[in-house]
């Protein structure tokens, strides 16, 4: 089943460490990333705009270039007439210093699921360590 899962690993005053798991029929990939609470909330707010726009929305978690910790991005395609959404996931494979190994794949979801996920993204900073949020939950 297509899904994105964010698991809270660690946090301090301003920063969160998340374990990101992305999966589709063809691949399952994971990585850890660091993001500020403020940046995570801003990205969640960008997701909320998907219903108001007919354009793609690009979200970058961390920096893909330079001397940083691993990063990943989501390219959210506009919803189709049935409210279905395709998300291009781009995850860094943290196995070489040049940071050039990446895994890219699509995750499918629905508008309502994506909106709920963005709300959970805003609240994950208040969750206990080890708690997860899922994009496509069977029992929302």
N, C-alpha and C. Protein backbone atom coordinates (compact mmCIF):
# COMPACT_ATOMS: atom_id res chain seq x y z
N UNK A 1 0.85 -1.19 0.00
CA UNK A 1 0.00 0.00 0.00
C UNK A 1 0.88 1.24 0.00
N UNK A 2 0.55 2.20 -0.82
CA UNK A 2 1.27 3.47 -0.86
C UNK A 2 1.12 4.19 0.48
N UNK A 3 2.24 4.72 0.98
CA UNK A 3 2.16 5.45 2.24
C UNK A 3 3.42 6.25 2.49
N UNK A 4 3.26 7.26 3.32
CA UNK A 4 4.35 8.02 3.92
C UNK A 4 4.13 7.96 5.42
N UNK A 5 5.19 7.63 6.14
CA UNK A 5 5.11 7.54 7.60
C UNK A 5 6.22 8.40 8.18
N UNK A 6 5.87 9.27 9.11
CA UNK A 6 6.84 10.08 9.84
C UNK A 6 6.85 9.58 11.28
N UNK A 7 8.01 9.15 11.73
CA UNK A 7 8.15 8.68 13.12
C UNK A 7 9.07 9.65 13.85
N UNK A 8 8.60 10.15 14.98
CA UNK A 8 9.38 11.09 15.79
C UNK A 8 10.45 10.32 16.55
N UNK A 9 11.73 10.67 16.30
CA UNK A 9 12.87 9.99 16.91
C UNK A 9 13.44 10.78 18.09
N UNK A 10 13.48 12.10 17.94
CA UNK A 10 14.15 12.94 18.92
C UNK A 10 13.66 14.37 18.74
N UNK A 11 13.79 15.18 19.79
CA UNK A 11 13.52 16.61 19.66
C UNK A 11 14.19 17.39 20.77
N UNK A 12 14.48 18.65 20.47
CA UNK A 12 14.92 19.58 21.51
C UNK A 12 13.99 20.78 21.42
N UNK A 13 14.43 21.94 21.86
CA UNK A 13 13.57 23.13 21.85
C UNK A 13 13.05 23.49 20.48
N UNK A 14 13.92 23.46 19.47
CA UNK A 14 13.55 23.94 18.14
C UNK A 14 13.61 22.90 17.04
N UNK A 15 14.21 21.75 17.28
CA UNK A 15 14.52 20.81 16.22
C UNK A 15 13.89 19.45 16.47
N UNK A 16 13.46 18.81 15.38
CA UNK A 16 12.92 17.45 15.43
C UNK A 16 13.78 16.54 14.56
N UNK A 17 13.94 15.30 14.99
CA UNK A 17 14.50 14.28 14.12
C UNK A 17 13.37 13.31 13.80
N UNK A 18 13.16 13.11 12.50
CA UNK A 18 12.10 12.23 12.05
C UNK A 18 12.69 11.09 11.23
N UNK A 19 12.14 9.90 11.40
CA UNK A 19 12.43 8.79 10.51
C UNK A 19 11.30 8.78 9.50
N UNK A 20 11.64 8.91 8.24
CA UNK A 20 10.66 8.97 7.17
C UNK A 20 10.67 7.63 6.44
N UNK A 21 9.51 7.05 6.28
CA UNK A 21 9.35 5.82 5.51
C UNK A 21 8.41 6.12 4.36
N UNK A 22 8.85 5.81 3.16
CA UNK A 22 8.01 5.96 1.98
C UNK A 22 7.87 4.61 1.31
N UNK A 23 6.66 4.31 0.84
CA UNK A 23 6.48 3.02 0.19
C UNK A 23 5.41 3.09 -0.89
N UNK A 24 5.63 2.25 -1.90
CA UNK A 24 4.65 2.06 -2.96
C UNK A 24 4.77 0.59 -3.39
N UNK A 25 4.13 0.22 -4.48
CA UNK A 25 4.17 -1.18 -4.92
C UNK A 25 5.58 -1.63 -5.28
N UNK A 26 6.45 -0.70 -5.65
CA UNK A 26 7.76 -1.04 -6.19
C UNK A 26 8.92 -0.90 -5.20
N UNK A 27 8.75 -0.08 -4.18
CA UNK A 27 9.88 0.23 -3.31
C UNK A 27 9.40 0.61 -1.91
N UNK A 28 10.27 0.35 -0.95
CA UNK A 28 10.10 0.86 0.41
C UNK A 28 11.45 1.44 0.81
N UNK A 29 11.47 2.72 1.15
CA UNK A 29 12.72 3.40 1.50
C UNK A 29 12.52 4.16 2.80
N UNK A 30 13.63 4.37 3.51
CA UNK A 30 13.54 5.15 4.75
C UNK A 30 14.80 5.99 4.91
N UNK A 31 14.67 7.02 5.68
CA UNK A 31 15.80 7.86 6.04
C UNK A 31 15.43 8.68 7.26
N UNK A 32 16.44 9.18 7.94
CA UNK A 32 16.23 10.12 9.04
C UNK A 32 16.51 11.51 8.53
N UNK A 33 15.77 12.47 9.05
CA UNK A 33 16.04 13.86 8.69
C UNK A 33 15.79 14.75 9.90
N UNK A 34 16.41 15.90 9.89
CA UNK A 34 16.23 16.91 10.93
C UNK A 34 15.49 18.09 10.32
N UNK A 35 14.56 18.64 11.08
CA UNK A 35 13.81 19.80 10.61
C UNK A 35 13.38 20.61 11.82
N UNK A 36 13.38 21.92 11.66
CA UNK A 36 12.93 22.78 12.76
C UNK A 36 11.41 22.68 12.87
N UNK A 37 10.91 22.91 14.05
CA UNK A 37 9.47 22.89 14.28
C UNK A 37 8.78 23.92 13.40
N UNK A 38 9.41 25.09 13.27
CA UNK A 38 8.85 26.17 12.45
C UNK A 38 8.77 25.76 10.98
N UNK A 39 9.86 25.18 10.45
CA UNK A 39 9.87 24.75 9.05
C UNK A 39 8.83 23.66 8.79
N UNK A 40 8.69 22.74 9.72
CA UNK A 40 7.70 21.67 9.56
C UNK A 40 6.29 22.23 9.49
N UNK A 41 6.01 23.21 10.33
CA UNK A 41 4.68 23.84 10.31
C UNK A 41 4.45 24.59 9.00
N UNK A 42 5.48 25.28 8.50
CA UNK A 42 5.35 25.98 7.22
C UNK A 42 5.08 25.01 6.08
N UNK A 43 5.76 23.86 6.08
CA UNK A 43 5.53 22.86 5.04
C UNK A 43 4.11 22.30 5.14
N UNK A 44 3.65 22.07 6.36
CA UNK A 44 2.28 21.57 6.56
C UNK A 44 1.26 22.58 6.04
N UNK A 45 1.51 23.86 6.25
CA UNK A 45 0.61 24.91 5.75
C UNK A 45 0.60 24.97 4.22
N UNK A 46 1.75 24.69 3.59
CA UNK A 46 1.79 24.65 2.12
C UNK A 46 0.92 23.52 1.59
N UNK A 47 0.92 22.39 2.27
CA UNK A 47 0.10 21.26 1.85
C UNK A 47 -1.37 21.64 1.87
N UNK A 48 -1.79 22.40 2.86
CA UNK A 48 -3.19 22.80 2.98
C UNK A 48 -3.68 23.58 1.77
N UNK A 49 -2.77 24.19 1.01
CA UNK A 49 -3.15 24.99 -0.14
C UNK A 49 -3.45 24.15 -1.38
N UNK A 50 -3.25 22.84 -1.32
CA UNK A 50 -3.43 21.98 -2.49
C UNK A 50 -4.86 22.05 -3.01
N UNK A 51 -5.82 22.26 -2.14
CA UNK A 51 -7.22 22.32 -2.56
C UNK A 51 -7.53 23.63 -3.30
N UNK A 52 -6.71 24.65 -3.08
CA UNK A 52 -6.96 25.97 -3.67
C UNK A 52 -6.17 26.23 -4.95
N UNK A 53 -5.33 25.29 -5.35
CA UNK A 53 -4.45 25.55 -6.49
C UNK A 53 -4.53 24.42 -7.52
N UNK A 54 -4.20 24.76 -8.72
CA UNK A 54 -4.11 23.75 -9.79
C UNK A 54 -2.65 23.53 -10.16
N UNK A 55 -1.76 23.93 -9.29
CA UNK A 55 -0.33 23.82 -9.56
C UNK A 55 0.30 22.78 -8.64
N UNK A 56 1.47 22.32 -9.05
CA UNK A 56 2.25 21.40 -8.22
C UNK A 56 2.76 22.16 -7.00
N UNK A 57 2.94 21.45 -5.89
CA UNK A 57 3.50 22.03 -4.67
C UNK A 57 4.76 21.25 -4.32
N UNK A 58 5.88 21.96 -4.19
CA UNK A 58 7.16 21.34 -3.88
C UNK A 58 7.52 21.60 -2.44
N UNK A 59 7.87 20.54 -1.71
CA UNK A 59 8.27 20.64 -0.32
C UNK A 59 9.63 19.99 -0.15
N UNK A 60 10.57 20.71 0.44
CA UNK A 60 11.90 20.16 0.68
C UNK A 60 12.15 20.10 2.18
N UNK A 61 12.49 18.92 2.65
CA UNK A 61 12.80 18.70 4.06
C UNK A 61 14.31 18.63 4.17
N UNK A 62 14.94 19.69 4.64
CA UNK A 62 16.39 19.78 4.69
C UNK A 62 16.93 20.35 3.38
N UNK A 63 18.23 20.33 3.24
CA UNK A 63 18.89 20.86 2.04
C UNK A 63 19.48 19.69 1.26
N UNK A 64 19.18 19.64 -0.05
CA UNK A 64 19.66 18.54 -0.88
C UNK A 64 21.12 18.70 -1.29
N UNK A 65 21.64 19.92 -1.24
CA UNK A 65 23.02 20.17 -1.63
C UNK A 65 23.81 20.70 -0.44
N UNK A 66 25.12 20.46 -0.46
CA UNK A 66 25.99 21.00 0.58
C UNK A 66 26.27 20.00 1.67
N UNK A 67 26.89 20.48 2.71
CA UNK A 67 27.33 19.64 3.82
C UNK A 67 26.25 19.61 4.90
N UNK A 68 25.18 18.90 4.64
CA UNK A 68 24.05 18.82 5.55
C UNK A 68 23.69 17.37 5.80
N UNK A 69 22.77 17.16 6.72
CA UNK A 69 22.24 15.82 6.96
C UNK A 69 21.34 15.44 5.78
N UNK A 70 21.01 14.17 5.63
CA UNK A 70 20.18 13.74 4.49
C UNK A 70 18.87 14.52 4.39
N UNK A 71 18.44 14.71 3.16
CA UNK A 71 17.22 15.48 2.89
C UNK A 71 16.31 14.69 1.97
N UNK A 72 15.05 15.08 1.95
CA UNK A 72 14.13 14.50 0.99
C UNK A 72 13.13 15.56 0.57
N UNK A 73 12.42 15.28 -0.51
CA UNK A 73 11.43 16.23 -0.98
C UNK A 73 10.17 15.50 -1.43
N UNK A 74 9.10 16.28 -1.48
CA UNK A 74 7.81 15.81 -1.98
C UNK A 74 7.35 16.78 -3.05
N UNK A 75 6.97 16.29 -4.20
CA UNK A 75 6.37 17.09 -5.25
C UNK A 75 4.92 16.62 -5.36
N UNK A 76 4.01 17.44 -4.86
CA UNK A 76 2.59 17.08 -4.81
C UNK A 76 1.92 17.58 -6.08
N UNK A 77 1.39 16.65 -6.85
CA UNK A 77 0.72 16.99 -8.10
C UNK A 77 -0.68 17.50 -7.80
N UNK A 78 -1.24 18.28 -8.71
CA UNK A 78 -2.63 18.75 -8.50
C UNK A 78 -3.60 17.57 -8.42
N UNK A 79 -4.65 17.75 -7.66
CA UNK A 79 -5.66 16.69 -7.54
C UNK A 79 -6.34 16.48 -8.89
N UNK A 80 -6.78 15.26 -9.14
CA UNK A 80 -7.56 15.02 -10.36
C UNK A 80 -9.03 15.26 -10.05
N UNK A 81 -9.90 15.04 -11.00
CA UNK A 81 -11.32 15.35 -10.82
C UNK A 81 -11.99 14.50 -9.74
N UNK A 82 -11.36 13.38 -9.37
CA UNK A 82 -11.88 12.52 -8.32
C UNK A 82 -11.26 12.80 -6.95
N UNK A 83 -10.36 13.79 -6.87
CA UNK A 83 -9.71 14.11 -5.61
C UNK A 83 -8.50 13.25 -5.31
N UNK A 84 -8.04 12.48 -6.28
CA UNK A 84 -6.84 11.66 -6.10
C UNK A 84 -5.60 12.49 -6.38
N UNK A 85 -4.55 12.20 -5.63
CA UNK A 85 -3.31 12.99 -5.72
C UNK A 85 -2.13 12.03 -5.82
N UNK A 86 -1.20 12.40 -6.68
CA UNK A 86 0.05 11.65 -6.84
C UNK A 86 1.16 12.52 -6.25
N UNK A 87 2.02 11.91 -5.41
CA UNK A 87 3.13 12.61 -4.78
C UNK A 87 4.43 11.95 -5.22
N UNK A 88 5.33 12.74 -5.80
CA UNK A 88 6.65 12.23 -6.14
C UNK A 88 7.54 12.38 -4.91
N UNK A 89 8.03 11.27 -4.41
CA UNK A 89 8.90 11.24 -3.23
C UNK A 89 10.35 11.10 -3.71
N UNK A 90 11.23 11.94 -3.19
CA UNK A 90 12.65 11.90 -3.54
C UNK A 90 13.43 11.80 -2.24
N UNK A 91 13.95 10.60 -1.95
CA UNK A 91 14.67 10.35 -0.70
C UNK A 91 16.15 10.15 -0.97
N UNK A 92 16.96 10.73 -0.10
CA UNK A 92 18.40 10.56 -0.21
C UNK A 92 18.81 9.23 0.43
N UNK A 93 19.66 8.51 -0.27
CA UNK A 93 20.23 7.29 0.28
C UNK A 93 21.58 7.69 0.88
N UNK A 94 21.69 7.59 2.17
CA UNK A 94 22.85 8.12 2.90
C UNK A 94 23.99 7.10 2.93
N UNK A 95 24.56 6.81 1.73
CA UNK A 95 25.62 5.81 1.70
C UNK A 95 26.94 6.32 1.12
N UNK A 96 26.96 7.58 0.61
CA UNK A 96 28.21 8.15 0.10
C UNK A 96 28.26 9.63 0.43
N UNK A 97 29.47 10.17 0.56
CA UNK A 97 29.64 11.57 0.96
C UNK A 97 29.14 12.57 -0.09
N UNK A 98 29.13 12.19 -1.36
CA UNK A 98 28.70 13.13 -2.40
C UNK A 98 27.20 13.38 -2.40
N UNK A 99 26.45 12.60 -1.65
CA UNK A 99 25.01 12.77 -1.51
C UNK A 99 24.28 12.65 -2.85
N UNK A 100 24.78 11.84 -3.75
CA UNK A 100 24.19 11.74 -5.08
C UNK A 100 23.28 10.53 -5.27
N UNK A 101 23.20 9.65 -4.29
CA UNK A 101 22.32 8.49 -4.43
C UNK A 101 20.94 8.86 -3.90
N UNK A 102 19.95 8.68 -4.75
CA UNK A 102 18.59 9.07 -4.41
C UNK A 102 17.63 7.97 -4.86
N UNK A 103 16.50 7.91 -4.23
CA UNK A 103 15.43 6.99 -4.59
C UNK A 103 14.18 7.83 -4.85
N UNK A 104 13.63 7.72 -6.05
CA UNK A 104 12.44 8.50 -6.40
C UNK A 104 11.31 7.56 -6.81
N UNK A 105 10.11 7.85 -6.30
CA UNK A 105 8.95 7.02 -6.60
C UNK A 105 7.68 7.82 -6.30
N UNK A 106 6.55 7.30 -6.76
CA UNK A 106 5.27 7.96 -6.52
C UNK A 106 4.51 7.26 -5.40
N UNK A 107 3.83 8.09 -4.60
CA UNK A 107 2.88 7.63 -3.59
C UNK A 107 1.54 8.22 -3.96
N UNK A 108 0.52 7.40 -3.99
CA UNK A 108 -0.83 7.86 -4.32
C UNK A 108 -1.64 8.05 -3.05
N UNK A 109 -2.48 9.08 -3.06
CA UNK A 109 -3.33 9.35 -1.90
C UNK A 109 -4.59 10.07 -2.37
N UNK A 110 -5.38 10.50 -1.43
CA UNK A 110 -6.60 11.26 -1.71
C UNK A 110 -6.52 12.60 -1.00
N UNK A 111 -7.25 13.57 -1.50
CA UNK A 111 -7.21 14.92 -0.94
C UNK A 111 -7.47 14.93 0.56
N UNK A 112 -8.49 14.25 1.02
CA UNK A 112 -8.82 14.23 2.45
C UNK A 112 -7.71 13.66 3.31
N UNK A 113 -7.08 12.61 2.82
CA UNK A 113 -5.96 11.99 3.56
C UNK A 113 -4.79 12.97 3.66
N UNK A 114 -4.50 13.66 2.57
CA UNK A 114 -3.39 14.62 2.56
C UNK A 114 -3.67 15.78 3.51
N UNK A 115 -4.90 16.27 3.53
CA UNK A 115 -5.25 17.35 4.45
C UNK A 115 -5.11 16.92 5.91
N UNK A 116 -5.54 15.71 6.23
CA UNK A 116 -5.40 15.19 7.60
C UNK A 116 -3.92 15.02 7.97
N UNK A 117 -3.13 14.55 7.00
CA UNK A 117 -1.70 14.37 7.23
C UNK A 117 -1.03 15.70 7.56
N UNK A 118 -1.41 16.76 6.85
CA UNK A 118 -0.81 18.08 7.11
C UNK A 118 -1.14 18.56 8.52
N UNK A 119 -2.33 18.28 8.99
CA UNK A 119 -2.70 18.66 10.36
C UNK A 119 -1.87 17.87 11.38
N UNK A 120 -1.66 16.59 11.11
CA UNK A 120 -0.85 15.77 12.02
C UNK A 120 0.61 16.22 12.00
N UNK A 121 1.09 16.68 10.84
CA UNK A 121 2.46 17.21 10.76
C UNK A 121 2.64 18.38 11.72
N UNK A 122 1.64 19.23 11.83
CA UNK A 122 1.72 20.38 12.73
C UNK A 122 1.79 19.95 14.19
N UNK A 123 1.14 18.83 14.51
CA UNK A 123 1.05 18.40 15.91
C UNK A 123 2.15 17.44 16.34
N UNK A 124 2.93 16.91 15.40
CA UNK A 124 3.91 15.88 15.76
C UNK A 124 4.94 16.40 16.77
N UNK A 125 5.17 17.70 16.80
CA UNK A 125 6.12 18.28 17.76
C UNK A 125 5.65 18.05 19.20
N UNK A 126 4.36 17.85 19.41
CA UNK A 126 3.80 17.65 20.75
C UNK A 126 3.66 16.17 21.10
N UNK A 127 3.94 15.29 20.15
CA UNK A 127 3.82 13.85 20.38
C UNK A 127 5.00 13.31 21.17
N UNK A 128 4.80 12.14 21.77
CA UNK A 128 5.88 11.45 22.46
C UNK A 128 6.88 10.89 21.44
N UNK A 129 8.11 10.69 21.87
CA UNK A 129 9.12 10.04 21.03
C UNK A 129 8.61 8.65 20.67
N UNK A 130 8.77 8.28 19.40
CA UNK A 130 8.33 6.98 18.93
C UNK A 130 6.96 6.99 18.27
N UNK A 131 6.21 8.07 18.46
CA UNK A 131 4.87 8.17 17.85
C UNK A 131 5.00 8.41 16.36
N UNK A 132 4.08 7.85 15.56
CA UNK A 132 4.12 7.96 14.11
C UNK A 132 2.84 8.60 13.58
N UNK A 133 2.98 9.23 12.40
CA UNK A 133 1.82 9.68 11.66
C UNK A 133 1.90 9.04 10.27
N UNK A 134 0.75 8.71 9.71
CA UNK A 134 0.70 8.06 8.40
C UNK A 134 -0.16 8.86 7.46
N UNK A 135 0.25 8.92 6.21
CA UNK A 135 -0.52 9.60 5.17
C UNK A 135 -1.79 8.83 4.88
N UNK A 136 -1.67 7.59 4.53
CA UNK A 136 -2.83 6.76 4.15
C UNK A 136 -3.16 5.80 5.27
N UNK A 137 -3.96 6.26 6.19
CA UNK A 137 -4.37 5.41 7.31
C UNK A 137 -5.66 4.70 6.96
N UNK A 138 -5.74 3.45 7.31
CA UNK A 138 -6.95 2.67 7.03
C UNK A 138 -8.08 3.12 7.94
N UNK A 139 -7.78 3.31 9.21
CA UNK A 139 -8.79 3.75 10.19
C UNK A 139 -8.46 5.15 10.67
N UNK A 140 -8.87 6.17 9.94
CA UNK A 140 -8.62 7.54 10.34
C UNK A 140 -9.54 7.88 11.46
